[in-house]
Amino acid sequence: MQNLVNNIELRSLAKDFSKNIPKSILGVFLSEQSIKYFEGNDFAFIVALIADQSISSKRAWLLPQRLAERLGEKDLTPSLIIKNRVELAETIRKKPSLHRYPNKMADYITRAAINYLEIKIKDGEIFTRNSDFKTVQKLLMGFQGISTKKAGLGILIQSLDYGKKIPGQADSVALLDSHVSDFLVKTIGGNKRYTVSEATNIFRVINSQNPALVSTWIWKNEKL
């Protein structure tokens, strides 16, 4: 009986999802001008992904531009970070602080700059030259501070907000957080936290082409 109820609920969720497929992620909390800042600047995009922890998403995605401005430039580049690595934490800490954890972010961003230069990929090429989902995922996760979830989020943003064609997103997984887990408990049932694997299996029923996208649909209703 419970399985029947769950199946009916899943069909209902799939129907609602198909009518309300997210068209943008960044557009929920960034201006059009702020979104354009990341066009052709993969390094700044990676820094924003890294910064998106322990603070609001809006604050995290504004960090690259604001950090560059504090360092006297328009664009945030690896060379700018390395040049100013000694005072980077203090620059982030300066009020109004750009992040809750200046020292940690300074370390992550400096490591990202060094890593970015080592992989020798030109700006704008991460999501074009490496167009396969798993390849891009692996590359992004090579940066400290970017988890499987963040890599999946980054790929979704590039697809929705920048129109990048990244095949293989059927291999994506649920971007599981407390909002997604609470939604599943409320709609599917149960009294426990769902695992990434469990959530992904459910999301594949709702959208087999891109399970991760279902997470953003939930966020739109529950979080953003």
C-alpha atoms as a PDB file:
ATOM      1  CA  MET A   1       0.000   0.000   0.000  1.00  0.00           C
ATOM      2  CA  GLN A   2       2.840   2.397   0.940  1.00  0.00           C
ATOM      3  CA  ASN A   3       4.570   1.736  -2.385  1.00  0.00           C
ATOM      4  CA  LEU A   4       1.338   2.535  -4.218  1.00  0.00           C
ATOM      5  CA  VAL A   5       1.020   5.824  -2.335  1.00  0.00           C
ATOM      6  CA  ASN A   6       4.674   6.650  -3.092  1.00  0.00           C
ATOM      7  CA  ASN A   7       4.233   5.851  -6.789  1.00  0.00           C
ATOM      8  CA  ILE A   8       1.184   8.096  -7.012  1.00  0.00           C
ATOM      9  CA  GLU A   9       3.091  10.866  -5.242  1.00  0.00           C
ATOM     10  CA  LEU A  10       6.086  10.464  -7.571  1.00  0.00           C
ATOM     11  CA  ARG A  11       3.866  10.747 -10.634  1.00  0.00           C
ATOM     12  CA  SER A  12       2.362  13.900  -9.169  1.00  0.00           C
ATOM     13  CA  LEU A  13       5.819  15.359  -8.480  1.00  0.00           C
ATOM     14  CA  ALA A  14       7.020  14.459 -11.980  1.00  0.00           C
ATOM     15  CA  LYS A  15       4.009  16.214 -13.484  1.00  0.00           C
ATOM     16  CA  ASP A  16       4.603  19.350 -11.413  1.00  0.00           C
ATOM     17  CA  PHE A  17       8.318  19.301 -12.235  1.00  0.00           C
ATOM     18  CA  SER A  18       7.644  19.098 -15.979  1.00  0.00           C
ATOM     19  CA  LYS A  19       5.471  22.209 -15.712  1.00  0.00           C
ATOM     20  CA  ASN A  20       7.975  24.153 -13.619  1.00  0.00           C
ATOM     21  CA  ILE A  21      11.417  23.127 -14.860  1.00  0.00           C
ATOM     22  CA  PRO A  22      13.932  25.683 -13.538  1.00  0.00           C
ATOM     23  CA  LYS A  23      15.264  28.012 -16.216  1.00  0.00           C
ATOM     24  CA  SER A  24      17.911  29.690 -14.060  1.00  0.00           C
ATOM     25  CA  ILE A  25      19.714  29.253 -10.761  1.00  0.00           C
ATOM     26  CA  LEU A  26      21.754  32.429 -10.439  1.00  0.00           C
ATOM     27  CA  GLY A  27      18.833  34.530 -11.666  1.00  0.00           C
ATOM     28  CA  VAL A  28      17.011  33.837  -8.414  1.00  0.00           C
ATOM     29  CA  PHE A  29      19.461  35.931  -6.384  1.00  0.00           C
ATOM     30  CA  LEU A  30      21.789  37.782  -8.812  1.00  0.00           C
ATOM     31  CA  SER A  31      21.197  40.673 -11.168  1.00  0.00           C
ATOM     32  CA  GLU A  32      21.719  40.183 -14.896  1.00  0.00           C
ATOM     33  CA  GLN A  33      24.890  42.256 -14.699  1.00  0.00           C
ATOM     34  CA  SER A  34      26.289  40.096 -11.893  1.00  0.00           C
ATOM     35  CA  ILE A  35      25.509  36.942 -13.870  1.00  0.00           C
ATOM     36  CA  LYS A  36      27.369  38.310 -16.892  1.00  0.00           C
ATOM     37  CA  TYR A  37      30.465  38.823 -14.748  1.00  0.00           C
ATOM     38  CA  PHE A  38      31.220  35.098 -14.951  1.00  0.00           C
ATOM     39  CA  GLU A  39      30.935  34.826 -18.737  1.00  0.00           C
ATOM     40  CA  GLY A  40      34.314  33.686 -20.036  1.00  0.00           C
ATOM     41  CA  ASN A  41      35.827  33.788 -16.536  1.00  0.00           C
ATOM     42  CA  ASP A  42      35.936  30.198 -15.356  1.00  0.00           C
ATOM     43  CA  PHE A  43      38.333  30.990 -12.526  1.00  0.00           C
ATOM     44  CA  ALA A  44      35.948  33.508 -10.950  1.00  0.00           C
ATOM     45  CA  PHE A  45      33.183  30.939 -11.374  1.00  0.00           C
ATOM     46  CA  ILE A  46      35.237  28.314  -9.535  1.00  0.00           C
ATOM     47  CA  VAL A  47      35.959  30.773  -6.718  1.00  0.00           C
ATOM     48  CA  ALA A  48      32.221  31.449  -6.346  1.00  0.00           C
ATOM     49  CA  LEU A  49      31.528  27.716  -6.146  1.00  0.00           C
ATOM     50  CA  ILE A  50      34.164  27.359  -3.452  1.00  0.00           C
ATOM     51  CA  ALA A  51      32.838  30.370  -1.522  1.00  0.00           C
ATOM     52  CA  ASP A  52      29.270  29.061  -1.537  1.00  0.00           C
ATOM     53  CA  GLN A  53      29.414  27.601   1.959  1.00  0.00           C
ATOM     54  CA  SER A  54      28.437  28.917   5.406  1.00  0.00           C
ATOM     55  CA  ILE A  55      27.079  32.161   3.877  1.00  0.00           C
ATOM     56  CA  SER A  56      24.166  33.038   1.626  1.00  0.00           C
ATOM     57  CA  SER A  57      24.425  32.062  -2.028  1.00  0.00           C
ATOM     58  CA  LYS A  58      24.055  35.702  -3.077  1.00  0.00           C
ATOM     59  CA  ARG A  59      26.955  36.780  -0.910  1.00  0.00           C
ATOM     60  CA  ALA A  60      29.124  33.912  -2.176  1.00  0.00           C
ATOM     61  CA  TRP A  61      28.479  34.622  -5.844  1.00  0.00           C
ATOM     62  CA  LEU A  62      29.213  38.324  -5.403  1.00  0.00           C
ATOM     63  CA  LEU A  63      32.529  37.546  -3.678  1.00  0.00           C
ATOM     64  CA  PRO A  64      34.716  37.148  -6.818  1.00  0.00           C
ATOM     65  CA  GLN A  65      33.819  40.555  -8.239  1.00  0.00           C
ATOM     66  CA  ARG A  66      34.053  42.312  -4.886  1.00  0.00           C
ATOM     67  CA  LEU A  67      37.382  40.642  -4.123  1.00  0.00           C
ATOM     68  CA  ALA A  68      38.787  41.705  -7.484  1.00  0.00           C
ATOM     69  CA  GLU A  69      37.663  45.288  -6.846  1.00  0.00           C
ATOM     70  CA  ARG A  70      39.359  45.322  -3.451  1.00  0.00           C
ATOM     71  CA  LEU A  71      42.528  44.158  -5.173  1.00  0.00           C
ATOM     72  CA  GLY A  72      42.254  46.996  -7.671  1.00  0.00           C
ATOM     73  CA  GLU A  73      41.096  45.074 -10.724  1.00  0.00           C
ATOM     74  CA  LYS A  74      37.859  44.326 -12.569  1.00  0.00           C
ATOM     75  CA  ASP A  75      38.414  40.629 -13.236  1.00  0.00           C
ATOM     76  CA  LEU A  76      39.453  38.024 -10.710  1.00  0.00           C
ATOM     77  CA  THR A  77      42.344  36.035 -12.182  1.00  0.00           C
ATOM     78  CA  PRO A  78      44.758  33.427 -10.814  1.00  0.00           C
ATOM     79  CA  SER A  79      47.709  35.784 -11.248  1.00  0.00           C
ATOM     80  CA  LEU A  80      45.926  38.526  -9.270  1.00  0.00           C
ATOM     81  CA  ILE A  81      45.331  36.110  -6.401  1.00  0.00           C
ATOM     82  CA  ILE A  82      48.897  34.819  -6.359  1.00  0.00           C
ATOM     83  CA  LYS A  83      50.268  38.370  -6.494  1.00  0.00           C
ATOM     84  CA  ASN A  84      48.195  39.301  -3.429  1.00  0.00           C
ATOM     85  CA  ARG A  85      48.244  35.979  -1.596  1.00  0.00           C
ATOM     86  CA  VAL A  86      49.955  37.331   1.541  1.00  0.00           C
ATOM     87  CA  GLU A  87      47.223  39.866   2.303  1.00  0.00           C
ATOM     88  CA  LEU A  88      44.355  37.883   0.805  1.00  0.00           C
ATOM     89  CA  ALA A  89      42.808  36.837   4.131  1.00  0.00           C
ATOM     90  CA  GLU A  90      42.856  40.404   5.426  1.00  0.00           C
ATOM     91  CA  THR A  91      41.337  41.639   2.168  1.00  0.00           C
ATOM     92  CA  ILE A  92      38.473  39.196   2.571  1.00  0.00           C
ATOM     93  CA  ARG A  93      38.126  40.023   6.290  1.00  0.00           C
ATOM     94  CA  LYS A  94      37.954  43.798   5.726  1.00  0.00           C
ATOM     95  CA  LYS A  95      34.524  45.097   6.705  1.00  0.00           C
ATOM     96  CA  PRO A  96      32.082  44.416   5.310  1.00  0.00           C
ATOM     97  CA  SER A  97      33.611  40.948   5.338  1.00  0.00           C
ATOM     98  CA  LEU A  98      33.285  39.011   2.087  1.00  0.00           C
ATOM     99  CA  HIS A  99      33.039  35.678   3.868  1.00  0.00           C
ATOM    100  CA  ARG A 100      32.438  34.221   7.299  1.00  0.00           C
ATOM    101  CA  TYR A 101      35.760  32.360   7.192  1.00  0.00           C
ATOM    102  CA  PRO A 102      38.420  34.666   5.652  1.00  0.00           C
ATOM    103  CA  ASN A 103      41.447  32.479   6.437  1.00  0.00           C
ATOM    104  CA  LYS A 104      39.867  29.317   5.080  1.00  0.00           C
ATOM    105  CA  MET A 105      38.657  31.064   1.917  1.00  0.00           C
ATOM    106  CA  ALA A 106      42.017  32.725   1.346  1.00  0.00           C
ATOM    107  CA  ASP A 107      43.685  29.320   1.511  1.00  0.00           C
ATOM    108  CA  TYR A 108      41.141  27.676  -0.804  1.00  0.00           C
ATOM    109  CA  ILE A 109      41.245  30.525  -3.328  1.00  0.00           C
ATOM    110  CA  THR A 110      45.053  30.605  -3.379  1.00  0.00           C
ATOM    111  CA  ARG A 111      45.171  26.838  -3.921  1.00  0.00           C
ATOM    112  CA  ALA A 112      42.576  27.219  -6.677  1.00  0.00           C
ATOM    113  CA  ALA A 113      44.698  29.867  -8.418  1.00  0.00           C
ATOM    114  CA  ILE A 114      47.782  27.650  -8.365  1.00  0.00           C
ATOM    115  CA  ASN A 115      45.785  24.623  -9.533  1.00  0.00           C
ATOM    116  CA  TYR A 116      44.120  26.609 -12.303  1.00  0.00           C
ATOM    117  CA  LEU A 117      47.453  27.684 -13.730  1.00  0.00           C
ATOM    118  CA  GLU A 118      48.832  24.150 -13.474  1.00  0.00           C
ATOM    119  CA  ILE A 119      46.034  22.560 -15.525  1.00  0.00           C
ATOM    120  CA  LYS A 120      46.681  25.121 -18.281  1.00  0.00           C
ATOM    121  CA  ILE A 121      43.115  25.656 -19.393  1.00  0.00           C
ATOM    122  CA  LYS A 122      42.138  29.004 -20.846  1.00  0.00           C
ATOM    123  CA  ASP A 123      39.208  30.948 -19.449  1.00  0.00           C
ATOM    124  CA  GLY A 124      35.957  29.809 -20.992  1.00  0.00           C
ATOM    125  CA  GLU A 125      37.269  26.358 -21.898  1.00  0.00           C
ATOM    126  CA  ILE A 126      36.415  24.273 -18.838  1.00  0.00           C
ATOM    127  CA  PHE A 127      32.784  23.932 -19.868  1.00  0.00           C
ATOM    128  CA  THR A 128      33.403  23.806 -23.621  1.00  0.00           C
ATOM    129  CA  ARG A 129      36.580  21.855 -24.284  1.00  0.00           C
ATOM    130  CA  ASN A 130      35.728  19.402 -21.494  1.00  0.00           C
ATOM    131  CA  SER A 131      32.094  19.004 -22.460  1.00  0.00           C
ATOM    132  CA  ASP A 132      31.314  15.590 -20.971  1.00  0.00           C
ATOM    133  CA  PHE A 133      29.601  15.631 -17.562  1.00  0.00           C
ATOM    134  CA  LYS A 134      31.958  13.200 -15.835  1.00  0.00           C
ATOM    135  CA  THR A 135      35.047  14.914 -17.239  1.00  0.00           C
ATOM    136  CA  VAL A 136      33.919  18.339 -16.044  1.00  0.00           C
ATOM    137  CA  GLN A 137      32.854  16.909 -12.694  1.00  0.00           C
ATOM    138  CA  LYS A 138      36.272  15.350 -12.130  1.00  0.00           C
ATOM    139  CA  LEU A 139      38.049  18.551 -13.133  1.00  0.00           C
ATOM    140  CA  LEU A 140      35.965  20.715 -10.784  1.00  0.00           C
ATOM    141  CA  MET A 141      36.428  18.322  -7.893  1.00  0.00           C
ATOM    142  CA  GLY A 142      40.169  18.713  -8.320  1.00  0.00           C
ATOM    143  CA  PHE A 143      39.805  22.112  -6.649  1.00  0.00           C
ATOM    144  CA  GLN A 144      39.821  21.998  -2.861  1.00  0.00           C
ATOM    145  CA  GLY A 145      36.453  23.089  -1.509  1.00  0.00           C
ATOM    146  CA  ILE A 146      34.428  21.701  -4.425  1.00  0.00           C
ATOM    147  CA  SER A 147      32.521  18.545  -3.551  1.00  0.00           C
ATOM    148  CA  THR A 148      30.432  16.257  -5.738  1.00  0.00           C
ATOM    149  CA  LYS A 149      27.422  18.404  -4.873  1.00  0.00           C
ATOM    150  CA  LYS A 150      29.157  21.669  -5.781  1.00  0.00           C
ATOM    151  CA  ALA A 151      30.510  20.239  -9.023  1.00  0.00           C
ATOM    152  CA  GLY A 152      26.990  19.166  -9.955  1.00  0.00           C
ATOM    153  CA  LEU A 153      25.681  22.608  -9.051  1.00  0.00           C
ATOM    154  CA  GLY A 154      28.350  24.285 -11.183  1.00  0.00           C
ATOM    155  CA  ILE A 155      27.479  22.162 -14.200  1.00  0.00           C
ATOM    156  CA  LEU A 156      23.784  22.931 -13.768  1.00  0.00           C
ATOM    157  CA  ILE A 157      24.473  26.673 -13.575  1.00  0.00           C
ATOM    158  CA  GLN A 158      26.589  26.558 -16.713  1.00  0.00           C
ATOM    159  CA  SER A 159      23.804  24.672 -18.481  1.00  0.00           C
ATOM    160  CA  LEU A 160      20.866  26.806 -17.333  1.00  0.00           C
ATOM    161  CA  ASP A 161      22.348  30.281 -16.932  1.00  0.00           C
ATOM    162  CA  TYR A 162      24.979  30.209 -19.665  1.00  0.00           C
ATOM    163  CA  GLY A 163      23.500  27.760 -22.163  1.00  0.00           C
ATOM    164  CA  LYS A 164      26.476  25.396 -22.189  1.00  0.00           C
ATOM    165  CA  LYS A 165      25.753  22.016 -23.756  1.00  0.00           C
ATOM    166  CA  ILE A 166      27.194  19.447 -21.357  1.00  0.00           C
ATOM    167  CA  PRO A 167      26.056  15.929 -22.276  1.00  0.00           C
ATOM    168  CA  GLY A 168      25.838  13.039 -19.856  1.00  0.00           C
ATOM    169  CA  GLN A 169      23.874  14.813 -17.126  1.00  0.00           C
ATOM    170  CA  ALA A 170      21.766  11.708 -16.698  1.00  0.00           C
ATOM    171  CA  ASP A 171      24.770  10.618 -14.590  1.00  0.00           C
ATOM    172  CA  SER A 172      24.250  13.516 -12.178  1.00  0.00           C
ATOM    173  CA  VAL A 173      23.196  12.904  -8.592  1.00  0.00           C
ATOM    174  CA  ALA A 174      20.837  14.635  -6.196  1.00  0.00           C
ATOM    175  CA  LEU A 175      22.223  17.849  -4.711  1.00  0.00           C
ATOM    176  CA  LEU A 176      21.235  16.763  -1.249  1.00  0.00           C
ATOM    177  CA  ASP A 177      20.925  19.220   1.612  1.00  0.00           C
ATOM    178  CA  SER A 178      18.534  19.689   4.534  1.00  0.00           C
ATOM    179  CA  HIS A 179      15.939  21.380   2.313  1.00  0.00           C
ATOM    180  CA  VAL A 180      15.894  18.513  -0.171  1.00  0.00           C
ATOM    181  CA  SER A 181      15.872  15.887   2.562  1.00  0.00           C
ATOM    182  CA  ASP A 182      13.029  17.603   4.439  1.00  0.00           C
ATOM    183  CA  PHE A 183      11.059  17.852   1.193  1.00  0.00           C
ATOM    184  CA  LEU A 184      11.449  14.135   0.583  1.00  0.00           C
ATOM    185  CA  VAL A 185      10.383  13.256   4.105  1.00  0.00           C
ATOM    186  CA  LYS A 186       7.353  15.507   3.755  1.00  0.00           C
ATOM    187  CA  THR A 187       6.269  14.309   0.310  1.00  0.00           C
ATOM    188  CA  ILE A 188       7.515  10.718   0.014  1.00  0.00           C
ATOM    189  CA  GLY A 189       7.366   9.755   3.664  1.00  0.00           C
ATOM    190  CA  GLY A 190       9.633   8.211   6.237  1.00  0.00           C
ATOM    191  CA  ASN A 191      11.180   9.572   9.390  1.00  0.00           C
ATOM    192  CA  LYS A 192      14.855   9.469   8.443  1.00  0.00           C
ATOM    193  CA  ARG A 193      17.286  11.524   6.406  1.00  0.00           C
ATOM    194  CA  TYR A 194      17.609  10.359   2.839  1.00  0.00           C
ATOM    195  CA  THR A 195      21.013   9.447   1.428  1.00  0.00           C
ATOM    196  CA  VAL A 196      22.331  10.867  -1.839  1.00  0.00           C
ATOM    197  CA  SER A 197      21.809   7.484  -3.488  1.00  0.00           C
ATOM    198  CA  GLU A 198      18.213   7.211  -2.278  1.00  0.00           C
ATOM    199  CA  ALA A 199      17.388  10.756  -3.312  1.00  0.00           C
ATOM    200  CA  THR A 200      18.995  10.236  -6.718  1.00  0.00           C
ATOM    201  CA  ASN A 201      16.926   7.115  -7.360  1.00  0.00           C
ATOM    202  CA  ILE A 202      13.764   9.074  -6.570  1.00  0.00           C
ATOM    203  CA  PHE A 203      14.831  11.999  -8.746  1.00  0.00           C
ATOM    204  CA  ARG A 204      15.551   9.693 -11.664  1.00  0.00           C
ATOM    205  CA  VAL A 205      11.879   8.745 -11.633  1.00  0.00           C
ATOM    206  CA  ILE A 206      10.942  12.431 -11.743  1.00  0.00           C
ATOM    207  CA  ASN A 207      13.561  13.409 -14.355  1.00  0.00           C
ATOM    208  CA  SER A 208      15.756  10.648 -15.762  1.00  0.00           C
ATOM    209  CA  GLN A 209      17.658  13.034 -18.045  1.00  0.00           C
ATOM    210  CA  ASN A 210      19.045  15.132 -15.193  1.00  0.00           C
ATOM    211  CA  PRO A 211      18.372  14.027 -11.603  1.00  0.00           C
ATOM    212  CA  ALA A 212      20.344  16.958 -10.147  1.00  0.00           C
ATOM    213  CA  LEU A 213      17.953  19.417 -11.768  1.00  0.00           C
ATOM    214  CA  VAL A 214      15.163  18.159  -9.519  1.00  0.00           C
ATOM    215  CA  SER A 215      17.093  19.516  -6.528  1.00  0.00           C
ATOM    216  CA  THR A 216      16.979  23.060  -7.921  1.00  0.00           C
ATOM    217  CA  TRP A 217      13.247  22.709  -8.491  1.00  0.00           C
ATOM    218  CA  ILE A 218      12.895  21.857  -4.794  1.00  0.00           C
ATOM    219  CA  TRP A 219      15.159  24.744  -3.780  1.00  0.00           C
ATOM    220  CA  LYS A 220      13.062  27.161  -5.762  1.00  0.00           C
ATOM    221  CA  ASN A 221      10.052  26.179  -3.691  1.00  0.00           C
ATOM    222  CA  GLU A 222      11.714  25.542  -0.347  1.00  0.00           C
ATOM    223  CA  LYS A 223      14.890  27.589  -0.121  1.00  0.00           C
ATOM    224  CA  LEU A 224      15.785  30.230  -2.674  1.00  0.00           C
END
